[in-house]
PDB file of N, CA and C in Angstrom:
ATOM      1  N   MET A   1     -13.695   8.229  -5.976  1.00  0.00           N
ATOM      2  CA  MET A   1     -12.274   8.472  -5.804  1.00  0.00           C
ATOM      3  C   MET A   1     -11.661   7.470  -4.814  1.00  0.00           C
ATOM      4  N   LYS A   2     -12.445   7.127  -3.779  1.00  0.00           N
ATOM      5  CA  LYS A   2     -11.941   6.195  -2.771  1.00  0.00           C
ATOM      6  C   LYS A   2     -11.674   4.818  -3.375  1.00  0.00           C
ATOM      7  N   ALA A   3     -12.554   4.386  -4.275  1.00  0.00           N
ATOM      8  CA  ALA A   3     -12.368   3.080  -4.911  1.00  0.00           C
ATOM      9  C   ALA A   3     -11.103   3.077  -5.771  1.00  0.00           C
ATOM     10  N   LEU A   4     -10.835   4.196  -6.446  1.00  0.00           N
ATOM     11  CA  LEU A   4      -9.637   4.291  -7.281  1.00  0.00           C
ATOM     12  C   LEU A   4      -8.377   4.231  -6.425  1.00  0.00           C
ATOM     13  N   LEU A   5      -8.362   4.976  -5.330  1.00  0.00           N
ATOM     14  CA  LEU A   5      -7.166   5.021  -4.477  1.00  0.00           C
ATOM     15  C   LEU A   5      -6.924   3.726  -3.723  1.00  0.00           C
ATOM     16  N   SER A   6      -7.944   2.908  -3.572  1.00  0.00           N
ATOM     17  CA  SER A   6      -7.748   1.657  -2.838  1.00  0.00           C
ATOM     18  C   SER A   6      -7.505   0.468  -3.761  1.00  0.00           C
ATOM     19  N   SER A   7      -7.429   0.708  -5.072  1.00  0.00           N
ATOM     20  CA  SER A   7      -7.147  -0.405  -5.980  1.00  0.00           C
ATOM     21  C   SER A   7      -5.664  -0.768  -5.914  1.00  0.00           C
ATOM     22  N   LYS A   8      -5.382  -2.040  -6.106  1.00  0.00           N
ATOM     23  CA  LYS A   8      -4.001  -2.521  -5.959  1.00  0.00           C
ATOM     24  C   LYS A   8      -3.009  -1.864  -6.913  1.00  0.00           C
ATOM     25  N   PRO A   9      -3.335  -1.701  -8.205  1.00  0.00           N
ATOM     26  CA  PRO A   9      -2.343  -1.062  -9.092  1.00  0.00           C
ATOM     27  C   PRO A   9      -1.996   0.361  -8.673  1.00  0.00           C
ATOM     28  N   VAL A  10      -2.989   1.112  -8.212  1.00  0.00           N
ATOM     29  CA  VAL A  10      -2.729   2.493  -7.784  1.00  0.00           C
ATOM     30  C   VAL A  10      -1.887   2.496  -6.515  1.00  0.00           C
ATOM     31  N   LEU A  11      -2.179   1.602  -5.591  1.00  0.00           N
ATOM     32  CA  LEU A  11      -1.392   1.533  -4.354  1.00  0.00           C
ATOM     33  C   LEU A  11       0.053   1.134  -4.647  1.00  0.00           C
ATOM     34  N   TRP A  12       0.257   0.197  -5.564  1.00  0.00           N
ATOM     35  CA  TRP A  12       1.627  -0.192  -5.931  1.00  0.00           C
ATOM     36  C   TRP A  12       2.364   0.973  -6.566  1.00  0.00           C
ATOM     37  N   PHE A  13       1.673   1.719  -7.453  1.00  0.00           N
ATOM     38  CA  PHE A  13       2.294   2.881  -8.076  1.00  0.00           C
ATOM     39  C   PHE A  13       2.674   3.911  -7.024  1.00  0.00           C
ATOM     40  N   LEU A  14       1.744   4.232  -6.123  1.00  0.00           N
ATOM     41  CA  LEU A  14       2.037   5.214  -5.073  1.00  0.00           C
ATOM     42  C   LEU A  14       3.198   4.756  -4.200  1.00  0.00           C
ATOM     43  N   PHE A  15       3.201   3.487  -3.839  1.00  0.00           N
ATOM     44  CA  PHE A  15       4.260   2.956  -2.991  1.00  0.00           C
ATOM     45  C   PHE A  15       5.622   3.071  -3.667  1.00  0.00           C
ATOM     46  N   LEU A  16       5.722   2.548  -4.877  1.00  0.00           N
ATOM     47  CA  LEU A  16       7.028   2.509  -5.554  1.00  0.00           C
ATOM     48  C   LEU A  16       7.503   3.885  -6.005  1.00  0.00           C
ATOM     49  N   PHE A  17       6.625   4.675  -6.618  1.00  0.00           N
ATOM     50  CA  PHE A  17       7.014   5.993  -7.115  1.00  0.00           C
ATOM     51  C   PHE A  17       7.468   6.894  -5.967  1.00  0.00           C
ATOM     52  N   ASN A  18       6.671   6.946  -4.911  1.00  0.00           N
ATOM     53  CA  ASN A  18       7.014   7.822  -3.796  1.00  0.00           C
ATOM     54  C   ASN A  18       8.256   7.333  -3.052  1.00  0.00           C
ATOM     55  N   LEU A  19       8.463   6.031  -3.026  1.00  0.00           N
ATOM     56  CA  LEU A  19       9.672   5.495  -2.404  1.00  0.00           C
ATOM     57  C   LEU A  19      10.916   5.924  -3.186  1.00  0.00           C
ATOM     58  N   VAL A  20      10.847   5.845  -4.512  1.00  0.00           N
ATOM     59  CA  VAL A  20      11.977   6.257  -5.353  1.00  0.00           C
ATOM     60  C   VAL A  20      12.248   7.747  -5.189  1.00  0.00           C
ATOM     61  N   VAL A  21      11.193   8.556  -5.185  1.00  0.00           N
ATOM     62  CA  VAL A  21      11.365  10.000  -5.022  1.00  0.00           C
ATOM     63  C   VAL A  21      11.924  10.324  -3.636  1.00  0.00           C
ATOM     64  N   ALA A  22      11.452   9.620  -2.622  1.00  0.00           N
ATOM     65  CA  ALA A  22      11.941   9.867  -1.264  1.00  0.00           C
ATOM     66  C   ALA A  22      13.431   9.556  -1.139  1.00  0.00           C
ATOM     67  N   VAL A  23      13.875   8.522  -1.826  1.00  0.00           N
ATOM     68  CA  VAL A  23      15.293   8.156  -1.772  1.00  0.00           C
ATOM     69  C   VAL A  23      16.136   9.153  -2.573  1.00  0.00           C
ATOM     70  N   ALA A  24      15.614   9.611  -3.715  1.00  0.00           N
ATOM     71  CA  ALA A  24      16.392  10.479  -4.605  1.00  0.00           C
ATOM     72  C   ALA A  24      16.360  11.947  -4.203  1.00  0.00           C
ATOM     73  N   ALA A  25      15.328  12.400  -3.512  1.00  0.00           N
ATOM     74  CA  ALA A  25      15.141  13.829  -3.229  1.00  0.00           C
ATOM     75  C   ALA A  25      16.324  14.491  -2.521  1.00  0.00           C
ATOM     76  N   PRO A  26      16.909  13.899  -1.488  1.00  0.00           N
ATOM     77  CA  PRO A  26      18.021  14.585  -0.828  1.00  0.00           C
ATOM     78  C   PRO A  26      19.247  14.782  -1.728  1.00  0.00           C
ATOM     79  N   PHE A  27      19.378  13.949  -2.749  1.00  0.00           N
ATOM     80  CA  PHE A  27      20.517  14.075  -3.660  1.00  0.00           C
ATOM     81  C   PHE A  27      20.251  15.082  -4.775  1.00  0.00           C
ATOM     82  N   VAL A  28      18.979  15.269  -5.109  1.00  0.00           N
ATOM     83  CA  VAL A  28      18.616  16.153  -6.213  1.00  0.00           C
ATOM     84  C   VAL A  28      18.368  17.578  -5.721  1.00  0.00           C
ATOM     85  N   VAL A  29      17.688  17.721  -4.602  1.00  0.00           N
ATOM     86  CA  VAL A  29      17.344  19.038  -4.050  1.00  0.00           C
ATOM     87  C   VAL A  29      18.198  19.273  -2.807  1.00  0.00           C
ATOM     88  N   ASP A  30      18.841  20.421  -2.752  1.00  0.00           N
ATOM     89  CA  ASP A  30      19.748  20.718  -1.641  1.00  0.00           C
ATOM     90  C   ASP A  30      19.007  21.226  -0.407  1.00  0.00           C
ATOM     91  N   GLY A  31      19.608  20.977   0.719  1.00  0.00           N
ATOM     92  CA  GLY A  31      19.161  21.568   1.983  1.00  0.00           C
ATOM     93  C   GLY A  31      17.909  20.947   2.569  1.00  0.00           C
ATOM     94  N   SER A  32      17.245  21.790   3.346  1.00  0.00           N
ATOM     95  CA  SER A  32      16.081  21.311   4.088  1.00  0.00           C
ATOM     96  C   SER A  32      14.909  20.979   3.167  1.00  0.00           C
ATOM     97  N   GLN A  33      14.847  21.605   2.002  1.00  0.00           N
ATOM     98  CA  GLN A  33      13.760  21.307   1.075  1.00  0.00           C
ATOM     99  C   GLN A  33      13.852  19.859   0.585  1.00  0.00           C
ATOM    100  N   GLY A  34      15.041  19.378   0.328  1.00  0.00           N
ATOM    101  CA  GLY A  34      15.224  17.993  -0.086  1.00  0.00           C
ATOM    102  C   GLY A  34      14.874  17.016   1.018  1.00  0.00           C
ATOM    103  N   VAL A  35      15.239  17.362   2.231  1.00  0.00           N
ATOM    104  CA  VAL A  35      14.932  16.488   3.374  1.00  0.00           C
ATOM    105  C   VAL A  35      13.423  16.434   3.610  1.00  0.00           C
ATOM    106  N   MET A  36      12.765  17.593   3.555  1.00  0.00           N
ATOM    107  CA  MET A  36      11.315  17.622   3.779  1.00  0.00           C
ATOM    108  C   MET A  36      10.559  16.915   2.649  1.00  0.00           C
ATOM    109  N   THR A  37      11.060  17.039   1.432  1.00  0.00           N
ATOM    110  CA  THR A  37      10.456  16.308   0.314  1.00  0.00           C
ATOM    111  C   THR A  37      10.587  14.809   0.542  1.00  0.00           C
ATOM    112  N   ALA A  38      11.755  14.386   0.976  1.00  0.00           N
ATOM    113  CA  ALA A  38      11.974  12.963   1.245  1.00  0.00           C
ATOM    114  C   ALA A  38      11.051  12.469   2.354  1.00  0.00           C
ATOM    115  N   VAL A  39      10.885  13.260   3.399  1.00  0.00           N
ATOM    116  CA  VAL A  39      10.010  12.858   4.508  1.00  0.00           C
ATOM    117  C   VAL A  39       8.558  12.764   4.038  1.00  0.00           C
ATOM    118  N   GLY A  40       8.090  13.771   3.301  1.00  0.00           N
ATOM    119  CA  GLY A  40       6.706  13.772   2.820  1.00  0.00           C
ATOM    120  C   GLY A  40       6.423  12.603   1.888  1.00  0.00           C
ATOM    121  N   MET A  41       7.317  12.380   0.947  1.00  0.00           N
ATOM    122  CA  MET A  41       7.128  11.268   0.017  1.00  0.00           C
ATOM    123  C   MET A  41       7.246   9.924   0.735  1.00  0.00           C
ATOM    124  N   GLY A  42       8.114   9.862   1.717  1.00  0.00           N
ATOM    125  CA  GLY A  42       8.255   8.638   2.497  1.00  0.00           C
ATOM    126  C   GLY A  42       6.991   8.301   3.266  1.00  0.00           C
ATOM    127  N   VAL A  43       6.338   9.321   3.799  1.00  0.00           N
ATOM    128  CA  VAL A  43       5.087   9.101   4.534  1.00  0.00           C
ATOM    129  C   VAL A  43       4.002   8.569   3.597  1.00  0.00           C
ATOM    130  N   VAL A  44       3.900   9.152   2.406  1.00  0.00           N
ATOM    131  CA  VAL A  44       2.909   8.678   1.430  1.00  0.00           C
ATOM    132  C   VAL A  44       3.222   7.242   1.018  1.00  0.00           C
ATOM    133  N   SER A  45       4.495   6.948   0.780  1.00  0.00           N
ATOM    134  CA  SER A  45       4.898   5.598   0.402  1.00  0.00           C
ATOM    135  C   SER A  45       4.588   4.606   1.521  1.00  0.00           C
ATOM    136  N   LEU A  46       4.864   4.993   2.736  1.00  0.00           N
ATOM    137  CA  LEU A  46       4.584   4.133   3.885  1.00  0.00           C
ATOM    138  C   LEU A  46       3.082   3.866   4.016  1.00  0.00           C
ATOM    139  N   GLY A  47       2.278   4.894   3.816  1.00  0.00           N
ATOM    140  CA  GLY A  47       0.831   4.731   3.884  1.00  0.00           C
ATOM    141  C   GLY A  47       0.311   3.777   2.818  1.00  0.00           C
ATOM    142  N   ALA A  48       0.831   3.912   1.599  1.00  0.00           N
ATOM    143  CA  ALA A  48       0.413   3.020   0.515  1.00  0.00           C
ATOM    144  C   ALA A  48       0.865   1.585   0.803  1.00  0.00           C
ATOM    145  N   GLY A  49       2.080   1.432   1.328  1.00  0.00           N
ATOM    146  CA  GLY A  49       2.580   0.101   1.665  1.00  0.00           C
ATOM    147  C   GLY A  49       1.758  -0.560   2.753  1.00  0.00           C
ATOM    148  N   LEU A  50       1.375   0.215   3.754  1.00  0.00           N
ATOM    149  CA  LEU A  50       0.547  -0.337   4.826  1.00  0.00           C
ATOM    150  C   LEU A  50      -0.837  -0.724   4.308  1.00  0.00           C
ATOM    151  N   SER A  51      -1.368   0.073   3.388  1.00  0.00           N
ATOM    152  CA  SER A  51      -2.665  -0.265   2.794  1.00  0.00           C
ATOM    153  C   SER A  51      -2.574  -1.555   1.982  1.00  0.00           C
ATOM    154  N   LEU A  52      -1.447  -1.752   1.304  1.00  0.00           N
ATOM    155  CA  LEU A  52      -1.260  -3.008   0.565  1.00  0.00           C
ATOM    156  C   LEU A  52      -1.217  -4.195   1.521  1.00  0.00           C
ATOM    157  N   LEU A  53      -0.513  -4.042   2.628  1.00  0.00           N
ATOM    158  CA  LEU A  53      -0.439  -5.135   3.604  1.00  0.00           C
ATOM    159  C   LEU A  53      -1.790  -5.385   4.263  1.00  0.00           C
ATOM    160  N   LYS A  54      -2.501  -4.305   4.576  1.00  0.00           N
ATOM    161  CA  LYS A  54      -3.817  -4.439   5.191  1.00  0.00           C
ATOM    162  C   LYS A  54      -4.781  -5.137   4.239  1.00  0.00           C
ATOM    163  N   GLY A  55      -4.758  -4.764   2.972  1.00  0.00           N
ATOM    164  CA  GLY A  55      -5.618  -5.403   1.979  1.00  0.00           C
ATOM    165  C   GLY A  55      -5.267  -6.859   1.775  1.00  0.00           C
ATOM    166  N   ARG A  56      -3.979  -7.166   1.877  1.00  0.00           N
ATOM    167  CA  ARG A  56      -3.530  -8.559   1.722  1.00  0.00           C
ATOM    168  C   ARG A  56      -4.071  -9.423   2.858  1.00  0.00           C
ATOM    169  N   GLY A  57      -4.054  -8.913   4.069  1.00  0.00           N
ATOM    170  CA  GLY A  57      -4.576  -9.655   5.208  1.00  0.00           C
ATOM    171  C   GLY A  57      -6.072  -9.871   5.111  1.00  0.00           C
ATOM    172  N   GLN A  58      -6.796  -8.867   4.619  1.00  0.00           N
ATOM    173  CA  GLN A  58      -8.239  -9.002   4.471  1.00  0.00           C
ATOM    174  C   GLN A  58      -8.582 -10.003   3.380  1.00  0.00           C
ATOM    175  N   THR A  59      -7.811 -10.016   2.312  1.00  0.00           N
ATOM    176  CA  THR A  59      -8.055 -10.963   1.224  1.00  0.00           C
ATOM    177  C   THR A  59      -7.844 -12.389   1.706  1.00  0.00           C
ATOM    178  N   GLN A  60      -6.781 -12.638   2.473  1.00  0.00           N
ATOM    179  CA  GLN A  60      -6.511 -13.976   2.977  1.00  0.00           C
ATOM    180  C   GLN A  60      -7.600 -14.400   3.960  1.00  0.00           C
ATOM    181  N   THR A  61      -8.016 -13.498   4.831  1.00  0.00           N
ATOM    182  CA  THR A  61      -9.060 -13.814   5.800  1.00  0.00           C
ATOM    183  C   THR A  61     -10.366 -14.097   5.086  1.00  0.00           C
ATOM    184  N   HIS A  62     -10.686 -13.294   4.076  1.00  0.00           N
ATOM    185  CA  HIS A  62     -11.918 -13.478   3.317  1.00  0.00           C
ATOM    186  C   HIS A  62     -11.903 -14.826   2.586  1.00  0.00           C
ATOM    187  N   ALA A  63     -10.779 -15.170   1.993  1.00  0.00           N
ATOM    188  CA  ALA A  63     -10.654 -16.444   1.274  1.00  0.00           C
ATOM    189  C   ALA A  63     -10.777 -17.625   2.239  1.00  0.00           C
ATOM    190  N   GLN A  64     -10.193 -17.493   3.426  1.00  0.00           N
ATOM    191  CA  GLN A  64     -10.283 -18.571   4.409  1.00  0.00           C
ATOM    192  C   GLN A  64     -11.721 -18.735   4.876  1.00  0.00           C
ATOM    193  N   GLY A  65     -12.413 -17.625   5.073  1.00  0.00           N
ATOM    194  CA  GLY A  65     -13.814 -17.686   5.498  1.00  0.00           C
ATOM    195  C   GLY A  65     -14.696 -18.339   4.451  1.00  0.00           C
ATOM    196  N   GLN A  66     -14.431 -18.058   3.176  1.00  0.00           N
ATOM    197  CA  GLN A  66     -15.213 -18.685   2.109  1.00  0.00           C
ATOM    198  C   GLN A  66     -14.949 -20.180   2.063  1.00  0.00           C
ATOM    199  N   GLY A  67     -13.697 -20.570   2.241  1.00  0.00           N
ATOM    200  CA  GLY A  67     -13.357 -21.987   2.218  1.00  0.00           C
ATOM    201  C   GLY A  67     -14.031 -22.741   3.351  1.00  0.00           C
ATOM    202  N   GLN A  68     -14.099 -22.139   4.528  1.00  0.00           N
ATOM    203  CA  GLN A  68     -14.746 -22.776   5.657  1.00  0.00           C
ATOM    204  C   GLN A  68     -16.247 -22.881   5.430  1.00  0.00           C
ATOM    205  N   GLY A  69     -16.831 -21.854   4.822  1.00  0.00           N
ATOM    206  CA  GLY A  69     -18.258 -21.875   4.537  1.00  0.00           C
ATOM    207  C   GLY A  69     -18.609 -22.955   3.548  1.00  0.00           C
ATOM    208  N   GLN A  70     -17.738 -23.154   2.564  1.00  0.00           N
ATOM    209  CA  GLN A  70     -17.987 -24.193   1.576  1.00  0.00           C
ATOM    210  C   GLN A  70     -17.874 -25.571   2.219  1.00  0.00           C
ATOM    211  N   ARG A  71     -16.910 -25.741   3.110  1.00  0.00           N
ATOM    212  CA  ARG A  71     -16.764 -27.036   3.783  1.00  0.00           C
ATOM    213  C   ARG A  71     -17.967 -27.325   4.675  1.00  0.00           C
ATOM    214  N   GLN A  72     -18.468 -26.311   5.364  1.00  0.00           N
ATOM    215  CA  GLN A  72     -19.642 -26.506   6.217  1.00  0.00           C
ATOM    216  C   GLN A  72     -20.872 -26.846   5.397  1.00  0.00           C
ATOM    217  N   GLY A  73     -20.990 -26.225   4.209  1.00  0.00           N
ATOM    218  CA  GLY A  73     -22.128 -26.517   3.328  1.00  0.00           C
ATOM    219  C   GLY A  73     -22.088 -27.949   2.828  1.00  0.00           C
ATOM    220  N   GLN A  74     -20.890 -28.495   2.632  1.00  0.00           N
ATOM    221  CA  GLN A  74     -20.756 -29.863   2.145  1.00  0.00           C
ATOM    222  C   GLN A  74     -21.144 -30.867   3.231  1.00  0.00           C
ATOM    223  N   ARG A  75     -20.909 -30.520   4.494  1.00  0.00           N
ATOM    224  CA  ARG A  75     -21.223 -31.432   5.601  1.00  0.00           C
ATOM    225  C   ARG A  75     -22.733 -31.538   5.829  1.00  0.00           C
ATOM    226  N   ALA A  76     -23.458 -30.470   5.551  1.00  0.00           N
ATOM    227  CA  ALA A  76     -24.892 -30.443   5.871  1.00  0.00           C
ATOM    228  C   ALA A  76     -25.725 -31.309   4.973  1.00  0.00           C
TER     229      ALA A  76
END
């Protein structure tokens, strides 16, 4: 389950879907229930967005490390 939730397509879906619901909830549902729905969905969207950014940084770091390793191998 962890591998599924950390895949990029699932994270993008969670980010975008929950963001849309968070924006629309106060207009669709009245009162405090709409506000709490917006807050809950916003938190999930924020978490997915942060995971996307975190994964992006790791991918760039990993790619840079591989490039440096290849350059060092060529020098030897």
